[in-house]
Protein backbone atom coordinates (compact mmCIF):
# COMPACT_ATOMS: atom_id res chain seq x y z
CA MET A 1 -20.74 41.04 -35.17
CA LYS A 2 -20.80 44.37 -35.84
CA LEU A 3 -19.51 47.62 -34.04
CA TRP A 4 -23.31 50.30 -34.86
CA ILE A 5 -23.13 53.66 -34.59
CA THR A 6 -26.52 54.51 -33.25
CA PRO A 7 -27.50 58.37 -31.95
CA THR A 8 -27.50 56.96 -28.34
CA GLY A 9 -23.89 55.97 -28.79
CA ASP A 10 -21.66 53.05 -30.36
CA LYS A 11 -22.83 49.43 -29.46
CA TRP A 12 -21.32 45.87 -30.62
CA ILE A 13 -24.77 43.66 -31.99
CA CYS A 14 -24.52 40.10 -33.16
CA ASP A 15 -26.14 39.40 -36.62
CA GLU A 16 -29.13 37.60 -34.62
CA CYS A 17 -29.52 40.27 -32.29
CA GLN A 18 -29.69 42.24 -35.51
CA LYS A 19 -32.37 41.20 -36.79
CA ASP A 20 -34.47 42.83 -33.70
CA PHE A 21 -33.38 46.12 -34.49
CA GLU A 22 -33.89 46.35 -38.39
CA LYS A 23 -36.78 49.07 -37.38
CA GLU A 24 -34.32 51.24 -35.29
CA ILE A 25 -31.82 51.09 -38.24
CA ALA A 26 -33.68 52.31 -40.96
CA GLU A 27 -35.88 55.08 -38.76
CA GLU A 28 -32.74 56.64 -36.63
CA GLY A 29 -30.22 55.68 -39.61
CA TRP A 30 -27.37 53.51 -37.16
CA ARG A 31 -23.87 53.21 -39.50
CA ILE A 32 -22.04 50.61 -39.51
CA ALA A 33 -18.12 51.52 -38.08
CA PHE A 34 -16.59 47.61 -38.80
CA GLU A 35 -18.12 44.73 -40.11
CA GLU A 36 -17.33 41.17 -38.94
CA ASN A 37 -14.31 41.93 -36.21
CA ASN A 38 -14.31 38.32 -34.62
CA ASP A 39 -12.83 38.88 -31.81
CA ALA A 40 -13.40 36.65 -28.90
CA MET A 41 -13.44 39.82 -26.78
CA LEU A 42 -16.36 41.52 -28.04
CA ARG A 43 -19.90 41.09 -26.42
CA CYS A 44 -23.22 41.53 -27.82
CA VAL A 45 -24.52 44.34 -25.94
CA VAL A 46 -27.88 43.02 -26.01
CA CYS A 47 -27.41 38.67 -25.71
CA LYS A 48 -23.81 39.45 -24.16
CA HIS A 49 -22.49 36.40 -26.57
CA GLY A 50 -19.57 36.45 -28.34
CA ASP A 51 -19.05 36.20 -32.47
CA VAL A 52 -16.33 33.83 -31.34
CA GLU A 53 -16.48 30.50 -29.04
CA ILE A 54 -13.59 29.69 -27.29
CA PHE A 55 -13.46 25.45 -26.26
CA ASP A 56 -11.08 24.77 -23.50
């Protein structure tokens, strides 16, 4: 999961969904604020899944 700084606001995006945004990242010059933050509470803005799975 990475926090991307975009022209429309900051977005947490997982590595899987990031592949879908490669064109926008290059064209709009998105920058990474934080890389690989493995916080169980964070969710991807696209798929709503987290990077860390919590098992009961």
